[in-house]
N, C-alpha and C. Protein backbone atom coordinates (compact mmCIF):
# COMPACT_ATOMS: atom_id res chain seq x y z
N MET A 1 56.20 63.95 41.47
CA MET A 1 55.99 63.24 42.74
C MET A 1 54.77 62.35 42.59
N SER A 2 54.85 61.18 43.17
CA SER A 2 53.69 60.31 43.22
C SER A 2 53.24 60.25 44.68
N GLU A 3 52.06 59.69 44.92
CA GLU A 3 51.55 59.55 46.28
C GLU A 3 51.45 60.89 47.02
N THR A 4 50.94 61.87 46.33
CA THR A 4 50.73 63.17 46.97
C THR A 4 49.31 63.25 47.50
N LYS A 5 49.09 64.22 48.38
CA LYS A 5 47.75 64.49 48.89
C LYS A 5 47.41 65.94 48.55
N GLU A 6 46.21 66.13 48.04
CA GLU A 6 45.76 67.48 47.74
C GLU A 6 45.39 68.18 49.04
N LEU A 7 45.91 69.41 49.21
CA LEU A 7 45.67 70.17 50.43
C LEU A 7 44.75 71.37 50.23
N LEU A 8 44.77 71.99 49.04
CA LEU A 8 44.07 73.25 48.87
C LEU A 8 43.84 73.56 47.40
N ARG A 9 42.73 74.25 47.13
CA ARG A 9 42.46 74.80 45.79
C ARG A 9 42.18 76.28 45.93
N GLY A 10 42.51 77.04 44.90
CA GLY A 10 42.28 78.48 44.98
C GLY A 10 42.20 79.11 43.60
N VAL A 11 41.86 80.39 43.61
CA VAL A 11 41.80 81.20 42.40
C VAL A 11 42.67 82.42 42.61
N ILE A 12 43.36 82.84 41.56
CA ILE A 12 44.20 84.02 41.63
C ILE A 12 43.33 85.23 41.27
N HIS A 13 43.01 86.02 42.28
CA HIS A 13 42.18 87.21 42.08
C HIS A 13 43.05 88.37 41.58
N PRO A 14 42.46 89.32 40.86
CA PRO A 14 43.24 90.46 40.35
C PRO A 14 43.97 91.23 41.46
N TRP A 15 43.39 91.32 42.64
CA TRP A 15 44.04 92.08 43.71
C TRP A 15 45.24 91.34 44.31
N TYR A 16 45.48 90.09 43.89
CA TYR A 16 46.69 89.38 44.30
C TYR A 16 47.88 89.76 43.40
N CYS A 17 47.60 90.43 42.29
CA CYS A 17 48.63 90.71 41.30
C CYS A 17 49.29 92.06 41.56
N ASP A 18 50.57 92.14 41.20
CA ASP A 18 51.33 93.37 41.40
C ASP A 18 51.35 94.21 40.13
N THR A 19 52.17 95.23 40.12
CA THR A 19 52.21 96.15 38.98
C THR A 19 52.75 95.51 37.71
N PHE A 20 53.35 94.33 37.83
CA PHE A 20 53.83 93.60 36.65
C PHE A 20 52.76 92.68 36.07
N GLY A 21 51.62 92.57 36.76
CA GLY A 21 50.50 91.79 36.24
C GLY A 21 50.48 90.33 36.66
N HIS A 22 51.42 89.90 37.50
CA HIS A 22 51.39 88.51 37.97
C HIS A 22 51.23 88.48 39.49
N MET A 23 50.89 87.31 40.02
CA MET A 23 50.66 87.19 41.45
C MET A 23 51.92 87.57 42.21
N ASN A 24 51.73 88.42 43.21
CA ASN A 24 52.83 88.90 44.04
C ASN A 24 53.32 87.80 44.97
N VAL A 25 54.59 87.85 45.32
CA VAL A 25 55.24 86.86 46.19
C VAL A 25 54.46 86.62 47.48
N ARG A 26 53.92 87.68 48.10
CA ARG A 26 53.22 87.51 49.37
C ARG A 26 52.06 86.52 49.27
N TRP A 27 51.45 86.42 48.09
CA TRP A 27 50.28 85.54 47.96
C TRP A 27 50.68 84.08 47.78
N TYR A 28 51.86 83.81 47.23
CA TYR A 28 52.35 82.43 47.19
C TYR A 28 52.49 81.94 48.64
N SER A 29 53.09 82.78 49.47
CA SER A 29 53.24 82.43 50.89
C SER A 29 51.89 82.19 51.54
N HIS A 30 50.93 83.04 51.22
CA HIS A 30 49.57 82.91 51.76
C HIS A 30 48.98 81.54 51.43
N PHE A 31 49.01 81.16 50.15
CA PHE A 31 48.42 79.88 49.75
C PHE A 31 49.18 78.71 50.36
N PHE A 32 50.51 78.75 50.33
CA PHE A 32 51.29 77.64 50.90
C PHE A 32 51.07 77.52 52.40
N ASP A 33 51.00 78.63 53.10
CA ASP A 33 50.78 78.59 54.55
C ASP A 33 49.39 78.04 54.87
N ASP A 34 48.37 78.49 54.14
CA ASP A 34 47.03 77.94 54.35
C ASP A 34 47.01 76.43 54.10
N ALA A 35 47.69 76.00 53.04
CA ALA A 35 47.75 74.56 52.73
C ALA A 35 48.45 73.80 53.84
N ALA A 36 49.50 74.41 54.42
CA ALA A 36 50.27 73.73 55.46
C ALA A 36 49.43 73.40 56.69
N PHE A 37 48.40 74.18 56.95
CA PHE A 37 47.52 73.87 58.08
C PHE A 37 46.80 72.53 57.90
N HIS A 38 46.72 72.06 56.65
CA HIS A 38 46.03 70.80 56.36
C HIS A 38 46.96 69.59 56.34
N VAL A 39 48.28 69.83 56.44
CA VAL A 39 49.25 68.73 56.34
C VAL A 39 48.97 67.64 57.37
N TRP A 40 48.92 68.00 58.64
CA TRP A 40 48.77 66.96 59.68
C TRP A 40 47.42 66.27 59.63
N PRO A 41 46.31 66.98 59.48
CA PRO A 41 45.04 66.25 59.37
C PRO A 41 44.99 65.29 58.17
N MET A 42 45.69 65.63 57.08
CA MET A 42 45.68 64.75 55.91
C MET A 42 46.53 63.51 56.11
N TYR A 43 47.59 63.62 56.89
CA TYR A 43 48.50 62.49 57.05
C TYR A 43 48.34 61.74 58.36
N TRP A 44 47.89 62.42 59.40
CA TRP A 44 47.79 61.72 60.69
C TRP A 44 46.60 62.20 61.51
N GLY A 45 46.63 63.40 62.01
CA GLY A 45 45.56 63.92 62.87
C GLY A 45 45.85 65.38 63.21
N SER A 46 45.03 65.95 64.02
CA SER A 46 45.14 67.38 64.32
C SER A 46 46.23 67.68 65.35
N HIS A 47 46.62 68.94 65.41
CA HIS A 47 47.54 69.37 66.46
C HIS A 47 46.92 69.18 67.84
N GLN A 48 45.62 69.38 67.94
CA GLN A 48 44.94 69.16 69.23
C GLN A 48 45.06 67.70 69.65
N GLN A 49 44.94 66.80 68.70
CA GLN A 49 45.08 65.37 68.99
C GLN A 49 46.51 65.04 69.41
N MET A 50 47.50 65.63 68.73
CA MET A 50 48.91 65.42 69.12
C MET A 50 49.13 65.89 70.54
N GLN A 51 48.60 67.06 70.84
CA GLN A 51 48.79 67.66 72.16
C GLN A 51 48.15 66.80 73.26
N SER A 52 46.92 66.35 73.02
CA SER A 52 46.25 65.58 74.07
C SER A 52 46.81 64.16 74.20
N GLN A 53 47.19 63.55 73.08
CA GLN A 53 47.67 62.16 73.11
C GLN A 53 49.14 62.04 73.49
N PHE A 54 49.97 62.99 73.01
CA PHE A 54 51.43 62.85 73.20
C PHE A 54 52.08 64.04 73.90
N GLN A 55 51.30 65.07 74.21
CA GLN A 55 51.81 66.29 74.84
C GLN A 55 52.87 66.99 73.98
N VAL A 56 52.73 66.88 72.67
CA VAL A 56 53.59 67.58 71.71
C VAL A 56 52.72 68.17 70.60
N HIS A 57 53.31 69.07 69.87
CA HIS A 57 52.74 69.53 68.60
C HIS A 57 53.92 69.85 67.70
N THR A 58 53.68 70.37 66.52
CA THR A 58 54.80 70.71 65.64
C THR A 58 54.87 72.21 65.44
N VAL A 59 56.07 72.66 65.14
CA VAL A 59 56.32 74.05 64.77
C VAL A 59 57.11 74.05 63.46
N THR A 60 56.94 75.09 62.70
CA THR A 60 57.67 75.21 61.45
C THR A 60 59.08 75.71 61.76
N ALA A 61 60.06 74.92 61.36
CA ALA A 61 61.47 75.27 61.59
C ALA A 61 62.11 75.84 60.32
N GLY A 62 61.50 75.58 59.18
CA GLY A 62 62.05 76.09 57.94
C GLY A 62 61.02 76.05 56.84
N ALA A 63 61.11 77.01 55.94
CA ALA A 63 60.23 77.07 54.78
C ALA A 63 61.00 77.71 53.63
N ASN A 64 60.94 77.09 52.47
CA ASN A 64 61.67 77.59 51.32
C ASN A 64 60.79 77.51 50.07
N ILE A 65 60.54 78.65 49.45
CA ILE A 65 59.72 78.69 48.23
C ILE A 65 60.65 78.83 47.02
N GLN A 66 60.36 78.04 46.00
CA GLN A 66 61.02 78.16 44.71
C GLN A 66 59.95 78.55 43.68
N PHE A 67 60.17 79.67 43.00
CA PHE A 67 59.22 80.15 42.01
C PHE A 67 59.64 79.65 40.64
N ARG A 68 58.69 79.08 39.90
CA ARG A 68 59.02 78.53 38.59
C ARG A 68 58.39 79.29 37.44
N LYS A 69 57.12 79.68 37.60
CA LYS A 69 56.42 80.37 36.51
C LYS A 69 55.33 81.23 37.12
N GLU A 70 55.14 82.41 36.57
CA GLU A 70 54.17 83.34 37.13
C GLU A 70 52.74 82.83 36.98
N LEU A 71 51.89 83.29 37.88
CA LEU A 71 50.45 83.05 37.82
C LEU A 71 49.76 84.38 37.57
N LEU A 72 48.66 84.33 36.82
CA LEU A 72 47.95 85.54 36.42
C LEU A 72 46.53 85.53 37.00
N ALA A 73 45.92 86.69 37.03
CA ALA A 73 44.55 86.81 37.50
C ALA A 73 43.65 85.84 36.73
N GLY A 74 42.82 85.13 37.46
CA GLY A 74 41.90 84.17 36.86
C GLY A 74 42.43 82.75 36.84
N ASP A 75 43.73 82.56 37.04
CA ASP A 75 44.28 81.20 37.07
C ASP A 75 43.73 80.44 38.27
N LEU A 76 43.47 79.17 38.07
CA LEU A 76 43.01 78.27 39.14
C LEU A 76 44.19 77.40 39.55
N ILE A 77 44.36 77.25 40.87
CA ILE A 77 45.50 76.48 41.36
C ILE A 77 45.05 75.35 42.28
N VAL A 78 45.93 74.38 42.40
CA VAL A 78 45.79 73.31 43.39
C VAL A 78 47.16 73.16 44.06
N VAL A 79 47.14 72.95 45.38
CA VAL A 79 48.37 72.72 46.13
C VAL A 79 48.31 71.28 46.65
N ASP A 80 49.33 70.50 46.30
CA ASP A 80 49.42 69.14 46.84
C ASP A 80 50.70 69.01 47.65
N CYS A 81 50.89 67.83 48.25
CA CYS A 81 51.98 67.67 49.21
C CYS A 81 52.47 66.23 49.23
N ALA A 82 53.75 66.08 49.51
CA ALA A 82 54.35 64.76 49.73
C ALA A 82 55.32 64.86 50.90
N ILE A 83 55.52 63.77 51.60
CA ILE A 83 56.52 63.70 52.67
C ILE A 83 57.83 63.27 52.03
N THR A 84 58.88 64.08 52.21
CA THR A 84 60.16 63.78 51.56
C THR A 84 61.27 63.37 52.52
N ARG A 85 61.04 63.57 53.82
CA ARG A 85 62.06 63.17 54.79
C ARG A 85 61.43 62.99 56.16
N LEU A 86 61.89 61.97 56.88
CA LEU A 86 61.49 61.77 58.27
C LEU A 86 62.75 61.66 59.11
N GLY A 87 62.89 62.57 60.07
CA GLY A 87 63.99 62.51 61.01
C GLY A 87 63.48 61.96 62.33
N SER A 88 64.30 62.01 63.35
CA SER A 88 63.85 61.53 64.66
C SER A 88 62.95 62.53 65.35
N LYS A 89 63.10 63.83 65.00
CA LYS A 89 62.30 64.88 65.64
C LYS A 89 61.58 65.75 64.61
N SER A 90 61.71 65.45 63.33
CA SER A 90 61.13 66.33 62.32
C SER A 90 60.65 65.57 61.10
N ALA A 91 59.83 66.25 60.32
CA ALA A 91 59.36 65.74 59.03
C ALA A 91 59.46 66.87 58.03
N THR A 92 59.84 66.53 56.80
CA THR A 92 59.92 67.52 55.73
C THR A 92 58.86 67.18 54.70
N PHE A 93 58.12 68.22 54.31
CA PHE A 93 57.06 68.09 53.32
C PHE A 93 57.39 68.97 52.13
N MET A 94 57.02 68.51 50.93
CA MET A 94 57.18 69.31 49.72
C MET A 94 55.77 69.58 49.17
N GLU A 95 55.40 70.86 49.18
CA GLU A 95 54.14 71.27 48.58
C GLU A 95 54.43 71.79 47.18
N ARG A 96 53.47 71.55 46.27
CA ARG A 96 53.58 72.07 44.91
C ARG A 96 52.33 72.89 44.61
N MET A 97 52.50 74.04 44.00
CA MET A 97 51.38 74.84 43.52
C MET A 97 51.31 74.64 42.01
N MET A 98 50.19 74.06 41.58
CA MET A 98 50.05 73.72 40.16
C MET A 98 48.84 74.41 39.56
N HIS A 99 48.92 74.63 38.27
CA HIS A 99 47.80 75.18 37.52
C HIS A 99 46.76 74.08 37.33
N CYS A 100 45.52 74.36 37.66
CA CYS A 100 44.46 73.34 37.56
C CYS A 100 44.25 72.84 36.14
N ASP A 101 44.35 73.73 35.17
CA ASP A 101 44.07 73.34 33.78
C ASP A 101 45.21 72.57 33.13
N THR A 102 46.45 72.97 33.43
CA THR A 102 47.59 72.38 32.72
C THR A 102 48.38 71.38 33.56
N GLY A 103 48.24 71.45 34.88
CA GLY A 103 49.04 70.60 35.77
C GLY A 103 50.47 71.10 35.94
N GLU A 104 50.80 72.21 35.28
CA GLU A 104 52.15 72.75 35.37
C GLU A 104 52.44 73.26 36.78
N VAL A 105 53.64 72.96 37.28
CA VAL A 105 54.05 73.42 38.60
C VAL A 105 54.54 74.86 38.49
N HIS A 106 53.92 75.75 39.28
CA HIS A 106 54.29 77.17 39.26
C HIS A 106 55.23 77.53 40.42
N ALA A 107 55.16 76.78 41.52
CA ALA A 107 56.04 77.04 42.66
C ALA A 107 56.06 75.80 43.56
N THR A 108 57.14 75.68 44.32
CA THR A 108 57.24 74.61 45.32
C THR A 108 57.58 75.23 46.67
N TYR A 109 57.24 74.49 47.71
CA TYR A 109 57.41 74.98 49.08
C TYR A 109 57.90 73.83 49.93
N GLU A 110 59.16 73.89 50.36
CA GLU A 110 59.69 72.87 51.25
C GLU A 110 59.44 73.33 52.69
N LEU A 111 58.78 72.50 53.46
CA LEU A 111 58.35 72.83 54.81
C LEU A 111 58.95 71.82 55.79
N ILE A 112 59.69 72.31 56.78
CA ILE A 112 60.26 71.44 57.81
C ILE A 112 59.50 71.67 59.10
N GLU A 113 58.87 70.62 59.59
CA GLU A 113 58.08 70.67 60.82
C GLU A 113 58.82 69.88 61.90
N VAL A 114 59.04 70.52 63.05
CA VAL A 114 59.75 69.90 64.17
C VAL A 114 58.76 69.64 65.30
N PHE A 115 58.86 68.47 65.88
CA PHE A 115 58.02 68.15 67.05
C PHE A 115 58.52 68.94 68.24
N PHE A 116 57.59 69.44 69.03
CA PHE A 116 57.88 70.44 70.05
C PHE A 116 57.11 70.13 71.32
N ASP A 117 57.82 70.16 72.44
CA ASP A 117 57.19 69.97 73.75
C ASP A 117 56.89 71.36 74.33
N PRO A 118 55.61 71.74 74.43
CA PRO A 118 55.30 73.09 74.91
C PRO A 118 55.64 73.31 76.39
N GLN A 119 55.81 72.25 77.17
CA GLN A 119 56.18 72.39 78.58
C GLN A 119 57.65 72.77 78.73
N THR A 120 58.52 72.07 78.00
CA THR A 120 59.96 72.34 78.10
C THR A 120 60.43 73.41 77.12
N ARG A 121 59.58 73.72 76.11
CA ARG A 121 59.91 74.68 75.06
C ARG A 121 61.11 74.21 74.24
N LYS A 122 61.21 72.88 74.04
CA LYS A 122 62.30 72.29 73.28
C LYS A 122 61.75 71.28 72.28
N SER A 123 62.60 70.92 71.32
CA SER A 123 62.19 69.89 70.36
C SER A 123 61.97 68.57 71.09
N ALA A 124 61.15 67.73 70.48
CA ALA A 124 60.79 66.44 71.08
C ALA A 124 60.90 65.34 70.02
N THR A 125 61.07 64.13 70.47
CA THR A 125 61.10 62.98 69.57
C THR A 125 59.72 62.76 68.95
N MET A 126 59.72 62.46 67.65
CA MET A 126 58.46 62.17 66.97
C MET A 126 57.85 60.91 67.58
N PRO A 127 56.59 60.96 68.01
CA PRO A 127 55.95 59.75 68.55
C PRO A 127 55.94 58.63 67.51
N GLU A 128 56.22 57.42 67.98
CA GLU A 128 56.31 56.26 67.09
C GLU A 128 55.02 56.03 66.30
N GLU A 129 53.88 56.25 66.92
CA GLU A 129 52.59 56.07 66.22
C GLU A 129 52.49 57.02 65.02
N ILE A 130 52.95 58.24 65.18
CA ILE A 130 52.91 59.20 64.08
C ILE A 130 53.91 58.80 63.00
N ARG A 131 55.13 58.44 63.41
CA ARG A 131 56.15 57.98 62.45
C ARG A 131 55.62 56.81 61.61
N ASN A 132 55.01 55.85 62.27
CA ASN A 132 54.48 54.68 61.56
C ASN A 132 53.37 55.05 60.58
N ALA A 133 52.59 56.08 60.93
CA ALA A 133 51.52 56.53 60.03
C ALA A 133 52.10 57.26 58.82
N LEU A 134 53.23 57.95 58.99
CA LEU A 134 53.83 58.73 57.91
C LEU A 134 54.67 57.88 56.96
N LEU A 135 55.32 56.85 57.49
CA LEU A 135 56.26 56.05 56.68
C LEU A 135 55.73 55.56 55.34
N PRO A 136 54.49 55.07 55.26
CA PRO A 136 54.01 54.60 53.95
C PRO A 136 53.91 55.71 52.90
N PHE A 137 53.89 56.95 53.32
CA PHE A 137 53.77 58.08 52.39
C PHE A 137 55.10 58.72 52.04
N LEU A 138 56.19 58.24 52.62
CA LEU A 138 57.50 58.82 52.40
C LEU A 138 57.95 58.63 50.95
N ILE A 139 58.29 59.75 50.32
CA ILE A 139 58.82 59.76 48.95
C ILE A 139 60.14 60.51 49.02
N PRO A 140 61.25 59.89 48.70
CA PRO A 140 62.52 60.63 48.74
C PRO A 140 62.44 61.88 47.87
N ASN A 141 63.09 62.95 48.32
CA ASN A 141 63.06 64.22 47.61
C ASN A 141 63.61 64.03 46.20
N GLU A 142 62.84 64.48 45.23
CA GLU A 142 63.25 64.30 43.82
C GLU A 142 64.19 65.37 43.38
């Protein structure tokens, strides 16, 4: 992927590892979820700003992790992100967890965020200002 934004860096601590000696599945979710909190500030603005300016925010409608290669205690990681799809009410992001030293991708996380009106408790149309801010970063899913 090109035109990605770095969201998070971390270290794989021994207590993240299971009895097989590699990072347990629950910790991949932990890192990807923490990184996902940075998606909107990196591409547009905060959820608080969305709420005050447009009376909407986003909710996660789907998340899918693909595991490629195990991580071990002491490994350093970086999580980056790209926008792979823009719908009328949603955006899809692809996060990658990579080894800092080798750049090898160890896991990917497809995240679907839907715009949500907290008053009606229903999906909402993506505000045009946000869509226009995201469009230059759109990379079709590889």
